[in-house]
Amino acid sequence: SYVYKYDKNGLLVEKIQTYDINNKGRIDTTRID
């Protein structure tokens, strides 16, 4: 599962993997500048 966050201009600023079947306790966040 993933969650995506945007700034006020509609630019993708975060992609967060909230669930991974191979590592259920890990949350991975990609930040975009």
PDB file of all heavy atoms in Angstrom:
ATOM      1  N   SER A   1       0.856  -1.192   0.000  1.00  0.00           N
ATOM      2  CA  SER A   1       0.000   0.000   0.000  1.00  0.00           C
ATOM      3  C   SER A   1       0.889   1.238   0.000  1.00  0.00           C
ATOM      4  O   SER A   1       1.978   1.232   0.594  1.00  0.00           O
ATOM      5  CB  SER A   1      -0.901   0.032   1.232  1.00  0.00           C
ATOM      6  OG  SER A   1      -1.874  -0.984   1.174  1.00  0.00           O
ATOM      7  N   TYR A   2       0.403   2.305  -0.664  1.00  0.00           N
ATOM      8  CA  TYR A   2       1.142   3.559  -0.751  1.00  0.00           C
ATOM      9  C   TYR A   2       0.201   4.728  -0.484  1.00  0.00           C
ATOM     10  O   TYR A   2      -0.983   4.673  -0.802  1.00  0.00           O
ATOM     11  CB  TYR A   2       1.772   3.734  -2.135  1.00  0.00           C
ATOM     12  CG  TYR A   2       2.772   2.668  -2.505  1.00  0.00           C
ATOM     13  CD1 TYR A   2       2.356   1.483  -3.102  1.00  0.00           C
ATOM     14  CD2 TYR A   2       4.131   2.849  -2.262  1.00  0.00           C
ATOM     15  CE1 TYR A   2       3.266   0.499  -3.443  1.00  0.00           C
ATOM     16  CE2 TYR A   2       5.055   1.866  -2.613  1.00  0.00           C
ATOM     17  CZ  TYR A   2       4.617   0.701  -3.202  1.00  0.00           C
ATOM     18  OH  TYR A   2       5.519  -0.281  -3.543  1.00  0.00           O
ATOM     19  N   VAL A   3       0.755   5.795   0.063  1.00  0.00           N
ATOM     20  CA  VAL A   3       0.051   7.056   0.244  1.00  0.00           C
ATOM     21  C   VAL A   3       0.865   8.132  -0.457  1.00  0.00           C
ATOM     22  O   VAL A   3       2.100   8.145  -0.380  1.00  0.00           O
ATOM     23  CB  VAL A   3      -0.112   7.400   1.746  1.00  0.00           C
ATOM     24  CG1 VAL A   3      -0.649   8.823   1.916  1.00  0.00           C
ATOM     25  CG2 VAL A   3      -1.050   6.407   2.407  1.00  0.00           C
ATOM     26  N   TYR A   4       0.176   9.060  -1.154  1.00  0.00           N
ATOM     27  CA  TYR A   4       0.848  10.115  -1.903  1.00  0.00           C
ATOM     28  C   TYR A   4       0.388  11.472  -1.386  1.00  0.00           C
ATOM     29  O   TYR A   4      -0.802  11.690  -1.167  1.00  0.00           O
ATOM     30  CB  TYR A   4       0.521   9.994  -3.397  1.00  0.00           C
ATOM     31  CG  TYR A   4       0.759   8.608  -3.940  1.00  0.00           C
ATOM     32  CD1 TYR A   4      -0.300   7.692  -4.042  1.00  0.00           C
ATOM     33  CD2 TYR A   4       2.029   8.184  -4.328  1.00  0.00           C
ATOM     34  CE1 TYR A   4      -0.089   6.409  -4.528  1.00  0.00           C
ATOM     35  CE2 TYR A   4       2.244   6.903  -4.818  1.00  0.00           C
ATOM     36  CZ  TYR A   4       1.184   6.022  -4.908  1.00  0.00           C
ATOM     37  OH  TYR A   4       1.388   4.763  -5.378  1.00  0.00           O
ATOM     38  N   LYS A   5       1.357  12.397  -1.211  1.00  0.00           N
ATOM     39  CA  LYS A   5       1.047  13.731  -0.722  1.00  0.00           C
ATOM     40  C   LYS A   5       1.540  14.774  -1.724  1.00  0.00           C
ATOM     41  O   LYS A   5       2.587  14.598  -2.347  1.00  0.00           O
ATOM     42  CB  LYS A   5       1.691  13.959   0.649  1.00  0.00           C
ATOM     43  CG  LYS A   5       1.152  13.035   1.732  1.00  0.00           C
ATOM     44  CD  LYS A   5       1.751  13.351   3.096  1.00  0.00           C
ATOM     45  CE  LYS A   5       1.172  12.447   4.181  1.00  0.00           C
ATOM     46  NZ  LYS A   5       1.752  12.754   5.511  1.00  0.00           N
ATOM     47  N   TYR A   6       0.776  15.886  -1.841  1.00  0.00           N
ATOM     48  CA  TYR A   6       1.047  16.925  -2.825  1.00  0.00           C
ATOM     49  C   TYR A   6       1.109  18.282  -2.140  1.00  0.00           C
ATOM     50  O   TYR A   6       0.517  18.483  -1.067  1.00  0.00           O
ATOM     51  CB  TYR A   6      -0.042  16.932  -3.905  1.00  0.00           C
ATOM     52  CG  TYR A   6      -0.207  15.597  -4.600  1.00  0.00           C
ATOM     53  CD1 TYR A   6      -0.965  14.574  -4.017  1.00  0.00           C
ATOM     54  CD2 TYR A   6       0.396  15.341  -5.819  1.00  0.00           C
ATOM     55  CE1 TYR A   6      -1.116  13.350  -4.640  1.00  0.00           C
ATOM     56  CE2 TYR A   6       0.246  14.121  -6.453  1.00  0.00           C
ATOM     57  CZ  TYR A   6      -0.503  13.120  -5.847  1.00  0.00           C
ATOM     58  OH  TYR A   6      -0.636  11.902  -6.463  1.00  0.00           O
ATOM     59  N   ASP A   7       1.807  19.224  -2.785  1.00  0.00           N
ATOM     60  CA  ASP A   7       1.812  20.590  -2.259  1.00  0.00           C
ATOM     61  C   ASP A   7       0.648  21.374  -2.855  1.00  0.00           C
ATOM     62  O   ASP A   7      -0.176  20.831  -3.614  1.00  0.00           O
ATOM     63  CB  ASP A   7       3.161  21.273  -2.499  1.00  0.00           C
ATOM     64  CG  ASP A   7       3.453  21.521  -3.982  1.00  0.00           C
ATOM     65  OD1 ASP A   7       2.547  21.352  -4.823  1.00  0.00           O
ATOM     66  OD2 ASP A   7       4.606  21.873  -4.294  1.00  0.00           O
ATOM     67  N   LYS A   8       0.575  22.658  -2.548  1.00  0.00           N
ATOM     68  CA  LYS A   8      -0.557  23.485  -2.990  1.00  0.00           C
ATOM     69  C   LYS A   8      -0.592  23.658  -4.504  1.00  0.00           C
ATOM     70  O   LYS A   8      -1.630  24.029  -5.062  1.00  0.00           O
ATOM     71  CB  LYS A   8      -0.508  24.849  -2.315  1.00  0.00           C
ATOM     72  CG  LYS A   8       0.723  25.665  -2.654  1.00  0.00           C
ATOM     73  CD  LYS A   8       0.712  26.997  -1.933  1.00  0.00           C
ATOM     74  CE  LYS A   8       1.950  27.819  -2.288  1.00  0.00           C
ATOM     75  NZ  LYS A   8       1.947  29.128  -1.581  1.00  0.00           N
ATOM     76  N   ASN A   9       0.528  23.393  -5.163  1.00  0.00           N
ATOM     77  CA  ASN A   9       0.589  23.503  -6.620  1.00  0.00           C
ATOM     78  C   ASN A   9       0.335  22.172  -7.322  1.00  0.00           C
ATOM     79  O   ASN A   9       0.462  22.077  -8.542  1.00  0.00           O
ATOM     80  CB  ASN A   9       1.944  24.056  -7.045  1.00  0.00           C
ATOM     81  CG  ASN A   9       2.197  25.453  -6.521  1.00  0.00           C
ATOM     82  OD1 ASN A   9       1.323  26.315  -6.616  1.00  0.00           O
ATOM     83  ND2 ASN A   9       3.366  25.677  -5.948  1.00  0.00           N
ATOM     84  N   GLY A  10      -0.015  21.154  -6.552  1.00  0.00           N
ATOM     85  CA  GLY A  10      -0.302  19.851  -7.128  1.00  0.00           C
ATOM     86  C   GLY A  10       0.932  19.021  -7.430  1.00  0.00           C
ATOM     87  O   GLY A  10       0.838  18.006  -8.138  1.00  0.00           O
ATOM     88  N   LEU A  11       2.082  19.407  -6.882  1.00  0.00           N
ATOM     89  CA  LEU A  11       3.314  18.649  -7.095  1.00  0.00           C
ATOM     90  C   LEU A  11       3.434  17.540  -6.062  1.00  0.00           C
ATOM     91  O   LEU A  11       3.188  17.758  -4.861  1.00  0.00           O
ATOM     92  CB  LEU A  11       4.535  19.571  -6.999  1.00  0.00           C
ATOM     93  CG  LEU A  11       4.668  20.632  -8.084  1.00  0.00           C
ATOM     94  CD1 LEU A  11       5.785  21.597  -7.729  1.00  0.00           C
ATOM     95  CD2 LEU A  11       4.922  19.989  -9.435  1.00  0.00           C
ATOM     96  N   LEU A  12       3.796  16.365  -6.517  1.00  0.00           N
ATOM     97  CA  LEU A  12       4.001  15.237  -5.616  1.00  0.00           C
ATOM     98  C   LEU A  12       5.224  15.507  -4.747  1.00  0.00           C
ATOM     99  O   LEU A  12       6.327  15.729  -5.251  1.00  0.00           O
ATOM    100  CB  LEU A  12       4.214  13.956  -6.421  1.00  0.00           C
ATOM    101  CG  LEU A  12       4.499  12.685  -5.609  1.00  0.00           C
ATOM    102  CD1 LEU A  12       3.259  12.261  -4.831  1.00  0.00           C
ATOM    103  CD2 LEU A  12       4.958  11.554  -6.539  1.00  0.00           C
ATOM    104  N   VAL A  13       5.049  15.509  -3.426  1.00  0.00           N
ATOM    105  CA  VAL A  13       6.171  15.804  -2.525  1.00  0.00           C
ATOM    106  C   VAL A  13       6.519  14.636  -1.619  1.00  0.00           C
ATOM    107  O   VAL A  13       7.613  14.603  -1.044  1.00  0.00           O
ATOM    108  CB  VAL A  13       5.890  17.057  -1.671  1.00  0.00           C
ATOM    109  CG1 VAL A  13       5.844  18.301  -2.547  1.00  0.00           C
ATOM    110  CG2 VAL A  13       4.589  16.907  -0.883  1.00  0.00           C
ATOM    111  N   GLU A  14       5.621  13.651  -1.491  1.00  0.00           N
ATOM    112  CA  GLU A  14       5.925  12.476  -0.673  1.00  0.00           C
ATOM    113  C   GLU A  14       5.226  11.237  -1.224  1.00  0.00           C
ATOM    114  O   GLU A  14       4.064  11.302  -1.627  1.00  0.00           O
ATOM    115  CB  GLU A  14       5.478  12.680   0.777  1.00  0.00           C
ATOM    116  CG  GLU A  14       6.530  13.248   1.694  1.00  0.00           C
ATOM    117  CD  GLU A  14       6.107  13.158   3.151  1.00  0.00           C
ATOM    118  OE1 GLU A  14       4.970  13.557   3.458  1.00  0.00           O
ATOM    119  OE2 GLU A  14       6.914  12.700   3.971  1.00  0.00           O
ATOM    120  N   LYS A  15       5.961  10.133  -1.253  1.00  0.00           N
ATOM    121  CA  LYS A  15       5.406   8.822  -1.556  1.00  0.00           C
ATOM    122  C   LYS A  15       5.757   7.918  -0.390  1.00  0.00           C
ATOM    123  O   LYS A  15       6.934   7.715  -0.084  1.00  0.00           O
ATOM    124  CB  LYS A  15       5.990   8.263  -2.859  1.00  0.00           C
ATOM    125  CG  LYS A  15       5.529   6.850  -3.178  1.00  0.00           C
ATOM    126  CD  LYS A  15       6.208   6.329  -4.432  1.00  0.00           C
ATOM    127  CE  LYS A  15       5.805   4.893  -4.716  1.00  0.00           C
ATOM    128  NZ  LYS A  15       6.497   4.361  -5.925  1.00  0.00           N
ATOM    129  N   ILE A  16       4.741   7.394   0.287  1.00  0.00           N
ATOM    130  CA  ILE A  16       4.963   6.622   1.510  1.00  0.00           C
ATOM    131  C   ILE A  16       4.441   5.211   1.326  1.00  0.00           C
ATOM    132  O   ILE A  16       3.253   5.014   1.035  1.00  0.00           O
ATOM    133  CB  ILE A  16       4.252   7.279   2.710  1.00  0.00           C
ATOM    134  CG1 ILE A  16       4.675   8.760   2.842  1.00  0.00           C
ATOM    135  CG2 ILE A  16       4.550   6.520   3.996  1.00  0.00           C
ATOM    136  CD1 ILE A  16       3.827   9.543   3.814  1.00  0.00           C
ATOM    137  N   GLN A  17       5.312   4.232   1.447  1.00  0.00           N
ATOM    138  CA  GLN A  17       4.875   2.838   1.421  1.00  0.00           C
ATOM    139  C   GLN A  17       4.472   2.456   2.836  1.00  0.00           C
ATOM    140  O   GLN A  17       5.311   2.313   3.721  1.00  0.00           O
ATOM    141  CB  GLN A  17       5.965   1.897   0.916  1.00  0.00           C
ATOM    142  CG  GLN A  17       5.480   0.458   0.790  1.00  0.00           C
ATOM    143  CD  GLN A  17       6.471  -0.450   0.087  1.00  0.00           C
ATOM    144  OE1 GLN A  17       7.623  -0.100  -0.095  1.00  0.00           O
ATOM    145  NE2 GLN A  17       6.009  -1.625  -0.317  1.00  0.00           N
ATOM    146  N   THR A  18       3.186   2.305   3.046  1.00  0.00           N
ATOM    147  CA  THR A  18       2.669   2.045   4.390  1.00  0.00           C
ATOM    148  C   THR A  18       2.531   0.570   4.696  1.00  0.00           C
ATOM    149  O   THR A  18       2.335   0.193   5.853  1.00  0.00           O
ATOM    150  CB  THR A  18       1.300   2.724   4.567  1.00  0.00           C
ATOM    151  OG1 THR A  18       0.403   2.249   3.552  1.00  0.00           O
ATOM    152  CG2 THR A  18       1.440   4.238   4.452  1.00  0.00           C
ATOM    153  N   TYR A  19       2.611  -0.279   3.655  1.00  0.00           N
ATOM    154  CA  TYR A  19       2.508  -1.721   3.877  1.00  0.00           C
ATOM    155  C   TYR A  19       3.334  -2.456   2.844  1.00  0.00           C
ATOM    156  O   TYR A  19       3.312  -2.107   1.657  1.00  0.00           O
ATOM    157  CB  TYR A  19       1.052  -2.180   3.787  1.00  0.00           C
ATOM    158  CG  TYR A  19       0.879  -3.683   3.936  1.00  0.00           C
ATOM    159  CD1 TYR A  19       0.916  -4.283   5.189  1.00  0.00           C
ATOM    160  CD2 TYR A  19       0.700  -4.496   2.817  1.00  0.00           C
ATOM    161  CE1 TYR A  19       0.773  -5.663   5.330  1.00  0.00           C
ATOM    162  CE2 TYR A  19       0.551  -5.869   2.944  1.00  0.00           C
ATOM    163  CZ  TYR A  19       0.588  -6.448   4.202  1.00  0.00           C
ATOM    164  OH  TYR A  19       0.454  -7.804   4.332  1.00  0.00           O
ATOM    165  N   ASP A  20       4.087  -3.455   3.301  1.00  0.00           N
ATOM    166  CA  ASP A  20       4.889  -4.317   2.431  1.00  0.00           C
ATOM    167  C   ASP A  20       4.759  -5.740   2.953  1.00  0.00           C
ATOM    168  O   ASP A  20       5.121  -6.010   4.101  1.00  0.00           O
ATOM    169  CB  ASP A  20       6.353  -3.871   2.440  1.00  0.00           C
ATOM    170  CG  ASP A  20       7.251  -4.741   1.569  1.00  0.00           C
ATOM    171  OD1 ASP A  20       6.751  -5.737   1.002  1.00  0.00           O
ATOM    172  OD2 ASP A  20       8.443  -4.440   1.467  1.00  0.00           O
ATOM    173  N   ILE A  21       4.228  -6.623   2.138  1.00  0.00           N
ATOM    174  CA  ILE A  21       3.973  -7.985   2.600  1.00  0.00           C
ATOM    175  C   ILE A  21       5.251  -8.686   3.051  1.00  0.00           C
ATOM    176  O   ILE A  21       5.224  -9.574   3.900  1.00  0.00           O
ATOM    177  CB  ILE A  21       3.275  -8.816   1.493  1.00  0.00           C
ATOM    178  CG1 ILE A  21       2.756 -10.137   2.067  1.00  0.00           C
ATOM    179  CG2 ILE A  21       4.204  -9.032   0.304  1.00  0.00           C
ATOM    180  CD1 ILE A  21       1.910 -10.941   1.097  1.00  0.00           C
ATOM    181  N   ASN A  22       6.397  -8.265   2.505  1.00  0.00           N
ATOM    182  CA  ASN A  22       7.672  -8.889   2.867  1.00  0.00           C
ATOM    183  C   ASN A  22       8.325  -8.256   4.088  1.00  0.00           C
ATOM    184  O   ASN A  22       9.310  -8.783   4.603  1.00  0.00           O
ATOM    185  CB  ASN A  22       8.637  -8.808   1.683  1.00  0.00           C
ATOM    186  CG  ASN A  22       8.144  -9.599   0.492  1.00  0.00           C
ATOM    187  OD1 ASN A  22       7.694 -10.736   0.631  1.00  0.00           O
ATOM    188  ND2 ASN A  22       8.192  -8.984  -0.687  1.00  0.00           N
ATOM    189  N   ASN A  23       7.801  -7.125   4.533  1.00  0.00           N
ATOM    190  CA  ASN A  23       8.343  -6.462   5.719  1.00  0.00           C
ATOM    191  C   ASN A  23       7.235  -5.615   6.320  1.00  0.00           C
ATOM    192  O   ASN A  23       7.189  -4.403   6.160  1.00  0.00           O
ATOM    193  CB  ASN A  23       9.546  -5.588   5.342  1.00  0.00           C
ATOM    194  CG  ASN A  23      10.360  -5.186   6.547  1.00  0.00           C
ATOM    195  OD1 ASN A  23       9.845  -5.135   7.671  1.00  0.00           O
ATOM    196  ND2 ASN A  23      11.624  -4.896   6.330  1.00  0.00           N
ATOM    197  N   LYS A  24       6.348  -6.264   7.051  1.00  0.00           N
ATOM    198  CA  LYS A  24       5.106  -5.635   7.479  1.00  0.00           C
ATOM    199  C   LYS A  24       5.307  -4.536   8.514  1.00  0.00           C
ATOM    200  O   LYS A  24       4.438  -3.696   8.693  1.00  0.00           O
ATOM    201  CB  LYS A  24       4.153  -6.700   8.019  1.00  0.00           C
ATOM    202  CG  LYS A  24       3.737  -7.719   6.962  1.00  0.00           C
ATOM    203  CD  LYS A  24       2.788  -8.764   7.525  1.00  0.00           C
ATOM    204  CE  LYS A  24       2.386  -9.767   6.455  1.00  0.00           C
ATOM    205  NZ  LYS A  24       1.472 -10.823   6.972  1.00  0.00           N
ATOM    206  N   GLY A  25       6.466  -4.511   9.181  1.00  0.00           N
ATOM    207  CA  GLY A  25       6.685  -3.495  10.210  1.00  0.00           C
ATOM    208  C   GLY A  25       7.405  -2.266   9.705  1.00  0.00           C
ATOM    209  O   GLY A  25       7.668  -1.338  10.478  1.00  0.00           O
ATOM    210  N   ARG A  26       7.711  -2.195   8.407  1.00  0.00           N
ATOM    211  CA  ARG A  26       8.508  -1.099   7.873  1.00  0.00           C
ATOM    212  C   ARG A  26       7.642  -0.102   7.108  1.00  0.00           C
ATOM    213  O   ARG A  26       6.731  -0.476   6.399  1.00  0.00           O
ATOM    214  CB  ARG A  26       9.587  -1.648   6.942  1.00  0.00           C
ATOM    215  CG  ARG A  26      10.546  -0.577   6.417  1.00  0.00           C
ATOM    216  CD  ARG A  26      11.613  -1.202   5.546  1.00  0.00           C
ATOM    217  NE  ARG A  26      11.058  -1.710   4.296  1.00  0.00           N
ATOM    218  CZ  ARG A  26      11.754  -2.444   3.425  1.00  0.00           C
ATOM    219  NH1 ARG A  26      13.001  -2.782   3.711  1.00  0.00           N
ATOM    220  NH2 ARG A  26      11.183  -2.870   2.304  1.00  0.00           N
ATOM    221  N   ILE A  27       7.961   1.169   7.294  1.00  0.00           N
ATOM    222  CA  ILE A  27       7.334   2.235   6.509  1.00  0.00           C
ATOM    223  C   ILE A  27       8.434   2.981   5.779  1.00  0.00           C
ATOM    224  O   ILE A  27       9.366   3.490   6.394  1.00  0.00           O
ATOM    225  CB  ILE A  27       6.530   3.199   7.402  1.00  0.00           C
ATOM    226  CG1 ILE A  27       5.345   2.464   8.049  1.00  0.00           C
ATOM    227  CG2 ILE A  27       6.026   4.388   6.592  1.00  0.00           C
ATOM    228  CD1 ILE A  27       4.524   3.332   8.980  1.00  0.00           C
ATOM    229  N   ASP A  28       8.363   3.022   4.455  1.00  0.00           N
ATOM    230  CA  ASP A  28       9.377   3.686   3.636  1.00  0.00           C
ATOM    231  C   ASP A  28       8.808   4.968   3.050  1.00  0.00           C
ATOM    232  O   ASP A  28       7.737   4.960   2.447  1.00  0.00           O
ATOM    233  CB  ASP A  28       9.846   2.777   2.497  1.00  0.00           C
ATOM    234  CG  ASP A  28      10.671   1.597   3.004  1.00  0.00           C
ATOM    235  OD1 ASP A  28      11.321   1.767   4.047  1.00  0.00           O
ATOM    236  OD2 ASP A  28      10.653   0.541   2.359  1.00  0.00           O
ATOM    237  N   THR A  29       9.535   6.058   3.213  1.00  0.00           N
ATOM    238  CA  THR A  29       9.093   7.354   2.710  1.00  0.00           C
ATOM    239  C   THR A  29      10.090   7.886   1.686  1.00  0.00           C
ATOM    240  O   THR A  29      11.291   7.908   1.933  1.00  0.00           O
ATOM    241  CB  THR A  29       8.960   8.375   3.858  1.00  0.00           C
ATOM    242  OG1 THR A  29       7.993   7.907   4.782  1.00  0.00           O
ATOM    243  CG2 THR A  29       8.515   9.732   3.309  1.00  0.00           C
ATOM    244  N   THR A  30       9.573   8.291   0.537  1.00  0.00           N
ATOM    245  CA  THR A  30      10.363   8.983  -0.477  1.00  0.00           C
ATOM    246  C   THR A  30       9.928  10.444  -0.503  1.00  0.00           C
ATOM    247  O   THR A  30       8.751  10.740  -0.718  1.00  0.00           O
ATOM    248  CB  THR A  30      10.157   8.364  -1.868  1.00  0.00           C
ATOM    249  OG1 THR A  30      10.583   7.003  -1.850  1.00  0.00           O
ATOM    250  CG2 THR A  30      10.976   9.118  -2.919  1.00  0.00           C
ATOM    251  N   ARG A  31      10.878  11.356  -0.251  1.00  0.00           N
ATOM    252  CA  ARG A  31      10.589  12.782  -0.288  1.00  0.00           C
ATOM    253  C   ARG A  31      11.082  13.367  -1.599  1.00  0.00           C
ATOM    254  O   ARG A  31      12.158  13.013  -2.078  1.00  0.00           O
ATOM    255  CB  ARG A  31      11.282  13.499   0.881  1.00  0.00           C
ATOM    256  CG  ARG A  31      10.817  14.949   1.047  1.00  0.00           C
ATOM    257  CD  ARG A  31      11.563  15.694   2.143  1.00  0.00           C
ATOM    258  NE  ARG A  31      12.793  16.305   1.632  1.00  0.00           N
ATOM    259  CZ  ARG A  31      14.006  15.935   1.983  1.00  0.00           C
ATOM    260  NH1 ARG A  31      14.185  14.924   2.820  1.00  0.00           N
ATOM    261  NH2 ARG A  31      15.077  16.551   1.488  1.00  0.00           N
ATOM    262  N   ILE A  32      10.310  14.270  -2.182  1.00  0.00           N
ATOM    263  CA  ILE A  32      10.654  14.852  -3.477  1.00  0.00           C
ATOM    264  C   ILE A  32      10.730  16.367  -3.338  1.00  0.00           C
ATOM    265  O   ILE A  32       9.778  17.006  -2.879  1.00  0.00           O
ATOM    266  CB  ILE A  32       9.628  14.470  -4.557  1.00  0.00           C
ATOM    267  CG1 ILE A  32       9.489  12.945  -4.632  1.00  0.00           C
ATOM    268  CG2 ILE A  32      10.018  15.035  -5.907  1.00  0.00           C
ATOM    269  CD1 ILE A  32       8.401  12.467  -5.553  1.00  0.00           C
ATOM    270  N   ASP A  33      11.867  16.939  -3.715  1.00  0.00           N
ATOM    271  CA  ASP A  33      12.073  18.388  -3.677  1.00  0.00           C
ATOM    272  C   ASP A  33      12.249  18.921  -5.100  1.00  0.00           C
ATOM    273  O   ASP A  33      12.885  18.264  -5.937  1.00  0.00           O
ATOM    274  CB  ASP A  33      13.322  18.741  -2.855  1.00  0.00           C
ATOM    275  CG  ASP A  33      13.161  18.410  -1.379  1.00  0.00           C
ATOM    276  OD1 ASP A  33      12.019  18.197  -0.933  1.00  0.00           O
ATOM    277  OD2 ASP A  33      14.187  18.354  -0.666  1.00  0.00           O
TER     278      ASP A  33
END
